[in-house]
């Protein structure tokens, strides 16, 4: 919903903070108002001064994303200021730069501190970027797997052995979750070639994936319950919690035992037996 009063105030304050020399103009000896004149900003943004006046007086209709982009550029707004402008105008801010496969040192440090809790860092497309030792003990190491095959959605639909660790009655729900989450990520990325190539590869490789993809179900996976069977410590149950990074193309996934469950003891035993006993599909 558009907040006309706040939008008007933010535009006016931003214009007053911008010095003429910052946009290549000369201040001149007779300038009495701080910052840019309304006519100067309208010229820089490619719009009429009358329309800008109505915006600053909270009398305008909702501006389009194209108008907002022009104003953000003309006002030299930072990314946070640009996003604030879009939100005040009632629009979703444009997506920022993707983090890609780069893992920030702070996230690595946080994962190291989660020594007793399985944790993975995934891309929004399902690529496994890094995991801590407890997650490796639980799910196995992918260090010997080709980089293009370290995608959890790809593994689920093309490597049947991966499903053996999960109860059979949950195979279908897990598959639908994978596809619905991938749908949301692909839509966020727009015409991103990496995302589109992954979908094409999955459609070529799996009729099951293709059938689920055509259902057009969408659901970002943030929390869920995951049950699996480890070959040494037996049945385990986890609450799945995904923490999104600011760029939204990476998520830190933490697996915690439900309160009062026997998984606490199983995790302690898992820490002792180590990664060598992980499910054979990942060894």
Protein backbone atom coordinates (compact mmCIF):
# COMPACT_ATOMS: atom_id res chain seq x y z
CA UNK A 1 0.00 0.00 0.00
CA UNK A 2 1.29 3.41 -0.96
CA UNK A 3 2.13 5.81 1.90
CA UNK A 4 1.73 9.17 0.19
CA UNK A 5 2.70 11.35 3.16
CA UNK A 6 5.90 9.42 3.92
CA UNK A 7 6.81 9.18 0.23
CA UNK A 8 6.35 12.94 -0.20
CA UNK A 9 8.50 13.69 2.83
CA UNK A 10 11.26 11.27 1.80
CA UNK A 11 11.45 12.68 -1.74
CA UNK A 12 11.57 16.25 -0.50
CA UNK A 13 14.23 15.52 2.14
CA UNK A 14 16.33 13.54 -0.34
CA UNK A 15 16.18 16.38 -2.87
CA UNK A 16 17.19 18.92 -0.24
CA UNK A 17 20.18 16.80 0.85
CA UNK A 18 21.61 16.55 -2.68
CA UNK A 19 24.04 19.33 -3.55
CA UNK A 20 24.00 20.68 -7.13
CA UNK A 21 27.69 19.96 -7.67
CA UNK A 22 27.06 16.27 -6.88
CA UNK A 23 25.02 16.00 -10.09
CA UNK A 24 27.17 18.24 -12.24
CA UNK A 25 25.28 21.52 -11.71
CA UNK A 26 26.58 24.84 -10.45
CA UNK A 27 24.98 26.25 -7.32
CA UNK A 28 25.04 29.89 -8.50
CA UNK A 29 25.01 32.99 -6.26
CA UNK A 30 21.20 33.35 -6.00
CA UNK A 31 20.32 29.87 -4.77
CA UNK A 32 18.32 30.28 -1.57
CA UNK A 33 16.89 26.79 -1.08
CA UNK A 34 19.04 23.88 0.08
CA UNK A 35 19.82 21.07 -2.32
CA UNK A 36 18.35 20.77 -5.78
CA UNK A 37 15.45 22.76 -7.11
CA UNK A 38 12.39 20.77 -8.05
CA UNK A 39 12.85 21.69 -11.72
CA UNK A 40 16.44 20.41 -11.66
CA UNK A 41 15.46 17.06 -10.19
CA UNK A 42 12.59 16.63 -12.62
CA UNK A 43 14.95 17.25 -15.53
CA UNK A 44 17.48 14.74 -14.19
CA UNK A 45 14.73 12.13 -13.69
CA UNK A 46 13.08 12.76 -17.06
CA UNK A 47 9.65 13.77 -15.74
CA UNK A 48 7.60 16.94 -15.52
CA UNK A 49 8.14 19.35 -12.66
CA UNK A 50 4.37 19.40 -12.13
CA UNK A 51 4.30 15.62 -11.56
CA UNK A 52 7.23 15.84 -9.12
CA UNK A 53 5.45 18.65 -7.27
CA UNK A 54 2.33 16.48 -6.88
CA UNK A 55 4.50 13.64 -5.57
CA UNK A 56 6.10 15.92 -2.99
CA UNK A 57 2.69 17.28 -1.98
CA UNK A 58 1.20 13.78 -1.53
CA UNK A 59 -1.35 14.42 -4.30
CA UNK A 60 -0.14 12.04 -7.01
CA UNK A 61 -1.37 8.61 -8.09
CA UNK A 62 0.92 5.67 -7.39
CA UNK A 63 4.18 6.10 -9.35
CA UNK A 64 5.33 3.23 -11.55
CA UNK A 65 8.52 1.24 -10.88
CA UNK A 66 10.06 3.00 -13.89
CA UNK A 67 9.40 6.41 -12.32
CA UNK A 68 10.86 5.23 -9.02
CA UNK A 69 13.98 3.88 -10.72
CA UNK A 70 14.51 7.22 -12.44
CA UNK A 71 14.07 9.14 -9.18
CA UNK A 72 16.41 6.81 -7.29
CA UNK A 73 19.10 7.31 -9.92
CA UNK A 74 18.64 11.07 -10.07
CA UNK A 75 18.71 11.39 -6.28
CA UNK A 76 21.84 9.20 -6.01
CA UNK A 77 20.06 6.97 -3.48
CA UNK A 78 21.88 4.10 -1.81
CA UNK A 79 20.47 0.58 -2.15
CA UNK A 80 18.74 0.84 1.22
CA UNK A 81 17.31 4.26 0.37
CA UNK A 82 16.11 2.98 -3.03
CA UNK A 83 14.35 0.03 -1.37
CA UNK A 84 12.74 2.43 1.12
CA UNK A 85 11.48 4.56 -1.78
CA UNK A 86 9.87 1.54 -3.47
CA UNK A 87 8.22 0.36 -0.26
CA UNK A 88 6.75 3.79 0.47
CA UNK A 89 5.32 3.83 -3.05
CA UNK A 90 3.74 0.42 -2.53
CA UNK A 91 6.08 -1.61 -4.75
CA UNK A 92 8.40 -4.51 -4.03
CA UNK A 93 12.03 -3.30 -4.27
CA UNK A 94 14.07 -4.69 -7.15
CA UNK A 95 16.27 -7.66 -6.38
CA UNK A 96 19.77 -6.82 -5.29
CA UNK A 97 22.99 -8.46 -6.49
CA UNK A 98 23.14 -12.20 -5.88
CA UNK A 99 25.71 -13.66 -3.51
CA UNK A 100 26.28 -16.60 -5.88
CA UNK A 101 28.64 -19.28 -4.61
CA UNK A 102 30.69 -16.91 -2.47
CA UNK A 103 30.37 -17.78 1.22
CA UNK A 104 31.00 -14.87 3.56
CA UNK A 105 33.55 -15.52 6.35
CA UNK A 106 30.96 -14.57 8.95
CA UNK A 107 28.68 -17.39 7.85
CA UNK A 108 31.55 -19.87 7.95
CA UNK A 109 32.39 -18.72 11.47
CA UNK A 110 28.76 -19.12 12.53
CA UNK A 111 28.63 -22.66 11.14
CA UNK A 112 31.80 -23.56 13.03
CA UNK A 113 30.16 -22.34 16.23
CA UNK A 114 27.21 -24.70 15.64
CA UNK A 115 29.42 -27.68 16.46
CA UNK A 116 26.65 -29.84 17.91
CA UNK A 117 23.98 -28.91 15.38
CA UNK A 118 23.89 -30.04 11.74
CA UNK A 119 23.98 -26.96 9.50
CA UNK A 120 24.23 -26.44 5.75
CA UNK A 121 24.55 -23.41 3.54
CA UNK A 122 22.48 -23.83 0.37
CA UNK A 123 21.76 -21.66 -2.62
CA UNK A 124 18.11 -20.89 -3.28
CA UNK A 125 18.34 -23.33 -6.20
CA UNK A 126 19.38 -26.13 -3.84
CA UNK A 127 23.15 -26.15 -4.44
CA UNK A 128 25.07 -27.35 -1.39
CA UNK A 129 27.75 -24.69 -0.82
CA UNK A 130 29.17 -25.82 2.53
CA UNK A 131 28.18 -27.84 5.59
CA UNK A 132 29.62 -28.35 9.04
CA UNK A 133 31.05 -31.60 10.36
CA UNK A 134 27.84 -32.64 12.10
CA UNK A 135 25.85 -32.24 8.86
CA UNK A 136 28.50 -34.25 7.02
CA UNK A 137 28.11 -37.01 9.61
CA UNK A 138 24.37 -36.95 9.04
CA UNK A 139 24.09 -36.55 5.27
CA UNK A 140 27.53 -37.54 4.04
CA UNK A 141 30.27 -35.72 2.16
CA UNK A 142 29.75 -34.45 -1.38
CA UNK A 143 33.41 -33.50 -1.79
CA UNK A 144 33.93 -36.22 -4.42
CA UNK A 145 30.79 -35.30 -6.37
CA UNK A 146 31.06 -33.08 -9.45
CA UNK A 147 30.07 -29.49 -8.69
CA UNK A 148 27.09 -29.52 -11.07
CA UNK A 149 25.71 -32.58 -9.24
CA UNK A 150 25.85 -31.11 -5.72
CA UNK A 151 22.32 -29.80 -6.13
CA UNK A 152 19.86 -31.36 -3.68
CA UNK A 153 16.93 -31.17 -6.11
CA UNK A 154 18.99 -32.86 -8.83
CA UNK A 155 20.12 -35.58 -6.43
CA UNK A 156 16.57 -36.23 -5.22
CA UNK A 157 15.12 -36.73 -8.70
CA UNK A 158 18.03 -38.44 -10.45
CA UNK A 159 19.70 -40.56 -7.75
CA UNK A 160 17.11 -42.99 -6.31
CA UNK A 161 19.55 -44.18 -3.64
CA UNK A 162 19.34 -40.74 -1.97
CA UNK A 163 15.73 -41.44 -0.97
CA UNK A 164 16.60 -44.61 0.94
CA UNK A 165 17.39 -42.59 4.06
CA UNK A 166 13.84 -41.20 4.18
CA UNK A 167 10.52 -42.93 4.99
CA UNK A 168 8.86 -44.08 1.77
CA UNK A 169 5.56 -42.40 2.62
CA UNK A 170 7.36 -39.05 2.70
CA UNK A 171 9.03 -39.33 -0.71
CA UNK A 172 6.15 -37.65 -2.54
CA UNK A 173 5.81 -34.72 -0.06
CA UNK A 174 9.58 -34.17 -0.13
CA UNK A 175 9.58 -34.11 -3.94
CA UNK A 176 6.75 -31.58 -4.04
CA UNK A 177 8.55 -29.41 -1.49
CA UNK A 178 11.72 -29.45 -3.58
CA UNK A 179 9.86 -28.43 -6.74
CA UNK A 180 7.65 -25.77 -5.13
CA UNK A 181 10.69 -24.16 -3.49
CA UNK A 182 12.64 -24.25 -6.76
CA UNK A 183 9.66 -22.65 -8.55
CA UNK A 184 9.78 -19.70 -6.17
CA UNK A 185 13.54 -19.28 -6.61
CA UNK A 186 13.36 -19.38 -10.41
CA UNK A 187 10.61 -16.74 -10.41
CA UNK A 188 12.65 -14.46 -8.11
CA UNK A 189 15.66 -14.76 -10.41
CA UNK A 190 13.72 -13.92 -13.58
CA UNK A 191 15.65 -14.81 -16.73
CA UNK A 192 18.69 -16.07 -14.83
CA UNK A 193 20.45 -18.58 -17.14
CA UNK A 194 21.73 -20.74 -14.26
CA UNK A 195 18.22 -21.28 -12.88
CA UNK A 196 16.69 -21.94 -16.30
CA UNK A 197 19.46 -24.40 -17.19
CA UNK A 198 18.86 -26.36 -13.98
CA UNK A 199 15.13 -26.65 -14.72
CA UNK A 200 15.81 -27.78 -18.31
CA UNK A 201 18.31 -30.37 -17.07
CA UNK A 202 15.84 -31.71 -14.51
CA UNK A 203 12.99 -31.86 -17.04
CA UNK A 204 15.19 -33.83 -19.43
CA UNK A 205 16.31 -36.24 -16.70
CA UNK A 206 13.15 -36.87 -14.67
CA UNK A 207 9.54 -37.43 -15.73
CA UNK A 208 8.55 -37.18 -12.06
CA UNK A 209 10.10 -33.72 -11.78
CA UNK A 210 8.41 -32.62 -15.01
CA UNK A 211 4.98 -33.72 -13.76
CA UNK A 212 5.44 -31.87 -10.47
CA UNK A 213 6.83 -28.78 -12.21
CA UNK A 214 3.74 -28.56 -14.40
CA UNK A 215 1.53 -28.39 -11.29
CA UNK A 216 3.00 -24.89 -10.74
CA UNK A 217 3.00 -25.19 -6.95
CA UNK A 218 4.99 -22.49 -5.13
CA UNK A 219 6.16 -22.57 -1.50
CA UNK A 220 9.41 -21.23 -0.06
CA UNK A 221 10.74 -23.80 2.40
CA UNK A 222 11.43 -22.00 5.67
CA UNK A 223 10.45 -24.54 8.30
CA UNK A 224 9.49 -28.21 8.17
CA UNK A 225 9.92 -31.53 9.96
CA UNK A 226 12.41 -34.02 8.49
CA UNK A 227 12.67 -37.70 9.41
CA UNK A 228 15.47 -39.97 8.25
CA UNK A 229 17.31 -43.16 9.18
CA UNK A 230 21.05 -43.14 9.74
CA UNK A 231 22.81 -46.48 9.07
CA UNK A 232 24.44 -46.52 12.54
CA UNK A 233 22.41 -44.39 14.97
CA UNK A 234 19.02 -45.28 13.49
CA UNK A 235 15.86 -43.16 13.18
CA UNK A 236 16.24 -39.42 13.68
CA UNK A 237 13.85 -36.50 13.52
CA UNK A 238 14.69 -32.82 12.99
CA UNK A 239 13.04 -29.44 12.79
CA UNK A 240 14.27 -27.76 9.61
CA UNK A 241 14.85 -24.01 9.95
CA UNK A 242 16.05 -21.90 7.00
CA UNK A 243 17.54 -18.45 7.63
CA UNK A 244 17.70 -16.36 4.46
CA UNK A 245 20.68 -14.13 3.71
CA UNK A 246 19.94 -10.50 2.67
CA UNK A 247 20.43 -11.34 -1.02
CA UNK A 248 17.87 -14.18 -0.64
CA UNK A 249 19.85 -16.50 -2.90
CA UNK A 250 21.56 -18.25 0.01
CA UNK A 251 20.05 -19.85 3.10
CA UNK A 252 21.57 -21.20 6.27
CA UNK A 253 19.70 -24.38 7.16
CA UNK A 254 19.81 -25.62 10.74
CA UNK A 255 18.57 -29.05 11.85
CA UNK A 256 17.49 -29.18 15.51
CA UNK A 257 15.93 -32.11 17.40
CA UNK A 258 12.31 -31.58 18.51
CA UNK A 259 12.12 -30.97 22.29
CA UNK A 260 12.13 -34.20 24.24
CA UNK A 261 12.96 -36.42 21.27
CA UNK A 262 15.47 -39.27 21.26
CA UNK A 263 17.38 -37.48 18.51
CA UNK A 264 19.43 -35.63 21.15
CA UNK A 265 21.09 -38.88 22.18
CA UNK A 266 21.43 -39.97 18.56
CA UNK A 267 23.29 -36.75 17.75
CA UNK A 268 25.75 -37.36 20.56
CA UNK A 269 26.42 -40.84 19.20
CA UNK A 270 26.69 -39.42 15.68
CA UNK A 271 29.40 -37.05 16.86
CA UNK A 272 31.41 -40.05 18.07
CA UNK A 273 31.00 -42.28 14.99
CA UNK A 274 31.76 -39.43 12.57
CA UNK A 275 31.19 -38.85 8.84
CA UNK A 276 32.49 -42.27 7.75
CA UNK A 277 29.18 -43.86 8.72
CA UNK A 278 26.91 -41.54 6.71
CA UNK A 279 24.37 -42.95 4.30
CA UNK A 280 26.04 -44.85 1.48
CA UNK A 281 24.48 -42.63 -1.18
CA UNK A 282 26.77 -39.79 -0.07
CA UNK A 283 29.99 -41.64 0.68
